[in-house]
PDB file of N, CA and C in Angstrom:
ATOM      1  N   UNK A   1     169.800 259.513 -92.722  1.00  0.00           N
ATOM      2  CA  UNK A   1     170.255 260.449 -93.756  1.00  0.00           C
ATOM      3  C   UNK A   1     171.289 261.429 -93.203  1.00  0.00           C
ATOM      4  N   UNK A   2     171.136 261.810 -91.941  1.00  0.00           N
ATOM      5  CA  UNK A   2     172.093 262.759 -91.357  1.00  0.00           C
ATOM      6  C   UNK A   2     173.487 262.140 -91.243  1.00  0.00           C
ATOM      7  N   UNK A   3     173.529 260.834 -90.992  1.00  0.00           N
ATOM      8  CA  UNK A   3     174.830 260.161 -90.874  1.00  0.00           C
ATOM      9  C   UNK A   3     175.574 260.224 -92.208  1.00  0.00           C
ATOM     10  N   UNK A   4     174.826 260.214 -93.312  1.00  0.00           N
ATOM     11  CA  UNK A   4     175.464 260.279 -94.631  1.00  0.00           C
ATOM     12  C   UNK A   4     175.817 261.723 -94.993  1.00  0.00           C
ATOM     13  N   UNK A   5     174.969 262.666 -94.591  1.00  0.00           N
ATOM     14  CA  UNK A   5     175.158 264.059 -95.005  1.00  0.00           C
ATOM     15  C   UNK A   5     176.328 264.708 -94.251  1.00  0.00           C
ATOM     16  N   UNK A   6     176.467 264.426 -92.966  1.00  0.00           N
ATOM     17  CA  UNK A   6     177.483 265.104 -92.161  1.00  0.00           C
ATOM     18  C   UNK A   6     178.920 264.834 -92.635  1.00  0.00           C
ATOM     19  N   UNK A   7     179.329 263.582 -92.906  1.00  0.00           N
ATOM     20  CA  UNK A   7     180.703 263.379 -93.384  1.00  0.00           C
ATOM     21  C   UNK A   7     180.972 264.065 -94.716  1.00  0.00           C
ATOM     22  N   UNK A   8     179.970 264.105 -95.608  1.00  0.00           N
ATOM     23  CA  UNK A   8     180.161 264.778 -96.893  1.00  0.00           C
ATOM     24  C   UNK A   8     180.422 266.265 -96.664  1.00  0.00           C
ATOM     25  N   UNK A   9     179.686 266.854 -95.731  1.00  0.00           N
ATOM     26  CA  UNK A   9     179.887 268.273 -95.425  1.00  0.00           C
ATOM     27  C   UNK A   9     181.269 268.495 -94.818  1.00  0.00           C
ATOM     28  N   UNK A  10     181.692 267.596 -93.937  1.00  0.00           N
ATOM     29  CA  UNK A  10     183.007 267.732 -93.310  1.00  0.00           C
ATOM     30  C   UNK A  10     184.125 267.584 -94.344  1.00  0.00           C
ATOM     31  N   UNK A  11     183.961 266.626 -95.251  1.00  0.00           N
ATOM     32  CA  UNK A  11     184.970 266.430 -96.300  1.00  0.00           C
ATOM     33  C   UNK A  11     185.013 267.645 -97.219  1.00  0.00           C
ATOM     34  N   UNK A  12     183.836 268.179 -97.534  1.00  0.00           N
ATOM     35  CA  UNK A  12     183.780 269.356 -98.408  1.00  0.00           C
ATOM     36  C   UNK A  12     184.468 270.547 -97.751  1.00  0.00           C
ATOM     37  N   UNK A  13     184.237 270.746 -96.449  1.00  0.00           N
ATOM     38  CA  UNK A  13     184.890 271.851 -95.741  1.00  0.00           C
ATOM     39  C   UNK A  13     186.395 271.650 -95.676  1.00  0.00           C
ATOM     40  N   UNK A  14     186.826 270.407 -95.450  1.00  0.00           N
ATOM     41  CA  UNK A  14     188.263 270.126 -95.379  1.00  0.00           C
ATOM     42  C   UNK A  14     188.938 270.390 -96.721  1.00  0.00           C
ATOM     43  N   UNK A  15     188.276 269.996 -97.813  1.00  0.00           N
ATOM     44  CA  UNK A  15     188.844 270.234 -99.144  1.00  0.00           C
ATOM     45  C   UNK A  15     188.915 271.733 -99.432  1.00  0.00           C
ATOM     46  N   UNK A  16     187.862 272.458 -99.062  1.00  0.00           N
ATOM     47  CA  UNK A  16     187.852 273.904 -99.311  1.00  0.00           C
ATOM     48  C   UNK A  16     188.938 274.609 -98.512  1.00  0.00           C
ATOM     49  N   UNK A  17     189.073 274.253 -97.227  1.00  0.00           N
ATOM     50  CA  UNK A  17     190.087 274.909 -96.399  1.00  0.00           C
ATOM     51  C   UNK A  17     191.491 274.577 -96.886  1.00  0.00           C
ATOM     52  N   UNK A  18     191.724 273.321 -97.309  1.00  0.00           N
ATOM     53  CA  UNK A  18     193.054 272.957 -97.802  1.00  0.00           C
ATOM     54  C   UNK A  18     193.375 273.692 -99.103  1.00  0.00           C
ATOM     55  N   UNK A  19     192.369 273.841 -99.973  1.00  0.00           N
ATOM     56  CA  UNK A  19     192.591 274.586-101.215  1.00  0.00           C
ATOM     57  C   UNK A  19     192.892 276.050-100.931  1.00  0.00           C
ATOM     58  N   UNK A  20     192.158 276.644 -99.990  1.00  0.00           N
ATOM     59  CA  UNK A  20     192.380 278.053 -99.653  1.00  0.00           C
ATOM     60  C   UNK A  20     193.768 278.239 -99.047  1.00  0.00           C
ATOM     61  N   UNK A  21     194.154 277.325 -98.128  1.00  0.00           N
ATOM     62  CA  UNK A  21     195.466 277.442 -97.499  1.00  0.00           C
ATOM     63  C   UNK A  21     196.589 277.259 -98.512  1.00  0.00           C
ATOM     64  N   UNK A  22     196.453 276.270 -99.410  1.00  0.00           N
ATOM     65  CA  UNK A  22     197.517 276.028-100.391  1.00  0.00           C
ATOM     66  C   UNK A  22     197.653 277.205-101.352  1.00  0.00           C
ATOM     67  N   UNK A  23     196.520 277.745-101.808  1.00  0.00           N
ATOM     68  CA  UNK A  23     196.583 278.894-102.717  1.00  0.00           C
ATOM     69  C   UNK A  23     197.152 280.119-102.001  1.00  0.00           C
ATOM     70  N   UNK A  24     196.820 280.272-100.705  1.00  0.00           N
ATOM     71  CA  UNK A  24     197.331 281.391 -99.919  1.00  0.00           C
ATOM     72  C   UNK A  24     198.842 281.302 -99.765  1.00  0.00           C
ATOM     73  N   UNK A  25     199.370 280.080 -99.479  1.00  0.00           N
ATOM     74  CA  UNK A  25     200.811 279.926 -99.320  1.00  0.00           C
ATOM     75  C   UNK A  25     201.538 280.092-100.651  1.00  0.00           C
ATOM     76  N   UNK A  26     200.901 279.682-101.765  1.00  0.00           N
ATOM     77  CA  UNK A  26     201.509 279.901-103.087  1.00  0.00           C
ATOM     78  C   UNK A  26     201.586 281.400-103.373  1.00  0.00           C
ATOM     79  N   UNK A  27     200.526 282.134-103.006  1.00  0.00           N
ATOM     80  CA  UNK A  27     200.507 283.576-103.235  1.00  0.00           C
ATOM     81  C   UNK A  27     201.566 284.269-102.385  1.00  0.00           C
ATOM     82  N   UNK A  28     201.710 283.851-101.123  1.00  0.00           N
ATOM     83  CA  UNK A  28     202.748 284.424-100.261  1.00  0.00           C
ATOM     84  C   UNK A  28     204.130 284.086-100.829  1.00  0.00           C
ATOM     85  N   UNK A  29     204.300 282.852-101.317  1.00  0.00           N
ATOM     86  CA  UNK A  29     205.583 282.440-101.878  1.00  0.00           C
ATOM     87  C   UNK A  29     205.962 283.243-103.105  1.00  0.00           C
ATOM     88  N   UNK A  30     204.977 283.646-103.900  1.00  0.00           N
ATOM     89  CA  UNK A  30     205.270 284.469-105.076  1.00  0.00           C
ATOM     90  C   UNK A  30     205.624 285.893-104.666  1.00  0.00           C
ATOM     91  N   UNK A  31     204.972 286.402-103.625  1.00  0.00           N
ATOM     92  CA  UNK A  31     205.221 287.787-103.229  1.00  0.00           C
ATOM     93  C   UNK A  31     206.547 287.929-102.484  1.00  0.00           C
ATOM     94  N   UNK A  32     206.855 286.967-101.617  1.00  0.00           N
ATOM     95  CA  UNK A  32     208.036 287.093-100.769  1.00  0.00           C
ATOM     96  C   UNK A  32     209.028 285.973-101.067  1.00  0.00           C
ATOM     97  N   UNK A  33     210.180 286.076-100.416  1.00  0.00           N
ATOM     98  CA  UNK A  33     211.178 285.027-100.516  1.00  0.00           C
ATOM     99  C   UNK A  33     210.724 283.815 -99.696  1.00  0.00           C
ATOM    100  N   UNK A  34     211.178 282.625-100.092  1.00  0.00           N
ATOM    101  CA  UNK A  34     210.734 281.420 -99.386  1.00  0.00           C
ATOM    102  C   UNK A  34     211.182 281.424 -97.927  1.00  0.00           C
ATOM    103  N   UNK A  35     212.372 281.959 -97.656  1.00  0.00           N
ATOM    104  CA  UNK A  35     212.867 282.003 -96.279  1.00  0.00           C
ATOM    105  C   UNK A  35     211.963 282.875 -95.418  1.00  0.00           C
ATOM    106  N   UNK A  36     211.515 284.005 -95.972  1.00  0.00           N
ATOM    107  CA  UNK A  36     210.610 284.880 -95.234  1.00  0.00           C
ATOM    108  C   UNK A  36     209.268 284.206 -94.996  1.00  0.00           C
ATOM    109  N   UNK A  37     208.827 283.389 -95.965  1.00  0.00           N
ATOM    110  CA  UNK A  37     207.553 282.685 -95.810  1.00  0.00           C
ATOM    111  C   UNK A  37     207.637 281.687 -94.662  1.00  0.00           C
ATOM    112  N   UNK A  38     208.737 280.920 -94.601  1.00  0.00           N
ATOM    113  CA  UNK A  38     208.881 279.958 -93.514  1.00  0.00           C
ATOM    114  C   UNK A  38     208.966 280.672 -92.165  1.00  0.00           C
ATOM    115  N   UNK A  39     209.647 281.816 -92.125  1.00  0.00           N
ATOM    116  CA  UNK A  39     209.732 282.580 -90.892  1.00  0.00           C
ATOM    117  C   UNK A  39     208.359 283.087 -90.475  1.00  0.00           C
ATOM    118  N   UNK A  40     207.553 283.535 -91.451  1.00  0.00           N
ATOM    119  CA  UNK A  40     206.213 284.035 -91.157  1.00  0.00           C
ATOM    120  C   UNK A  40     205.317 282.921 -90.636  1.00  0.00           C
ATOM    121  N   UNK A  41     205.417 281.726 -91.250  1.00  0.00           N
ATOM    122  CA  UNK A  41     204.602 280.594 -90.797  1.00  0.00           C
ATOM    123  C   UNK A  41     205.004 280.190 -89.384  1.00  0.00           C
ATOM    124  N   UNK A  42     206.323 280.156 -89.112  1.00  0.00           N
ATOM    125  CA  UNK A  42     206.790 279.789 -87.778  1.00  0.00           C
ATOM    126  C   UNK A  42     206.333 280.812 -86.745  1.00  0.00           C
ATOM    127  N   UNK A  43     206.392 282.088 -87.098  1.00  0.00           N
ATOM    128  CA  UNK A  43     205.950 283.138 -86.190  1.00  0.00           C
ATOM    129  C   UNK A  43     204.451 283.037 -85.937  1.00  0.00           C
ATOM    130  N   UNK A  44     203.684 282.707 -86.981  1.00  0.00           N
ATOM    131  CA  UNK A  44     202.234 282.571 -86.846  1.00  0.00           C
ATOM    132  C   UNK A  44     201.882 281.406 -85.923  1.00  0.00           C
ATOM    133  N   UNK A  45     202.561 280.248 -86.108  1.00  0.00           N
ATOM    134  CA  UNK A  45     202.305 279.090 -85.248  1.00  0.00           C
ATOM    135  C   UNK A  45     202.698 279.420 -83.810  1.00  0.00           C
ATOM    136  N   UNK A  46     203.813 280.135 -83.631  1.00  0.00           N
ATOM    137  CA  UNK A  46     204.284 280.506 -82.298  1.00  0.00           C
ATOM    138  C   UNK A  46     203.263 281.394 -81.592  1.00  0.00           C
ATOM    139  N   UNK A  47     202.728 282.390 -82.304  1.00  0.00           N
ATOM    140  CA  UNK A  47     201.754 283.294 -81.691  1.00  0.00           C
ATOM    141  C   UNK A  47     200.454 282.568 -81.393  1.00  0.00           C
ATOM    142  N   UNK A  48     200.030 281.663 -82.280  1.00  0.00           N
ATOM    143  CA  UNK A  48     198.782 280.929 -82.044  1.00  0.00           C
ATOM    144  C   UNK A  48     198.916 280.031 -80.822  1.00  0.00           C
ATOM    145  N   UNK A  49     200.070 279.363 -80.660  1.00  0.00           N
ATOM    146  CA  UNK A  49     200.263 278.491 -79.504  1.00  0.00           C
ATOM    147  C   UNK A  49     200.220 279.296 -78.211  1.00  0.00           C
ATOM    148  N   UNK A  50     200.862 280.451 -78.186  1.00  0.00           N
ATOM    149  CA  UNK A  50     200.907 281.208 -76.946  1.00  0.00           C
ATOM    150  C   UNK A  50     199.635 281.998 -76.688  1.00  0.00           C
ATOM    151  N   UNK A  51     198.836 282.269 -77.725  1.00  0.00           N
ATOM    152  CA  UNK A  51     197.530 282.882 -77.478  1.00  0.00           C
ATOM    153  C   UNK A  51     196.558 281.864 -76.900  1.00  0.00           C
ATOM    154  N   UNK A  52     196.698 280.583 -77.283  1.00  0.00           N
ATOM    155  CA  UNK A  52     195.818 279.551 -76.743  1.00  0.00           C
ATOM    156  C   UNK A  52     196.103 279.304 -75.273  1.00  0.00           C
ATOM    157  N   UNK A  53     197.365 279.468 -74.850  1.00  0.00           N
ATOM    158  CA  UNK A  53     197.713 279.309 -73.433  1.00  0.00           C
ATOM    159  C   UNK A  53     197.245 280.552 -72.687  1.00  0.00           C
TER     160      UNK A  53
END
């Protein structure tokens, strides 16, 4: 039963996180200009990569 339950939970979490991320980026896109949004995403990825190192 655990083999069946675990993938369903993982899929549910993946769907929830993707929905939250997509709605978050739509909200940022409405508040700011698209160019600023891409710059913010690039800056966020840059900081995350260098914090992991």
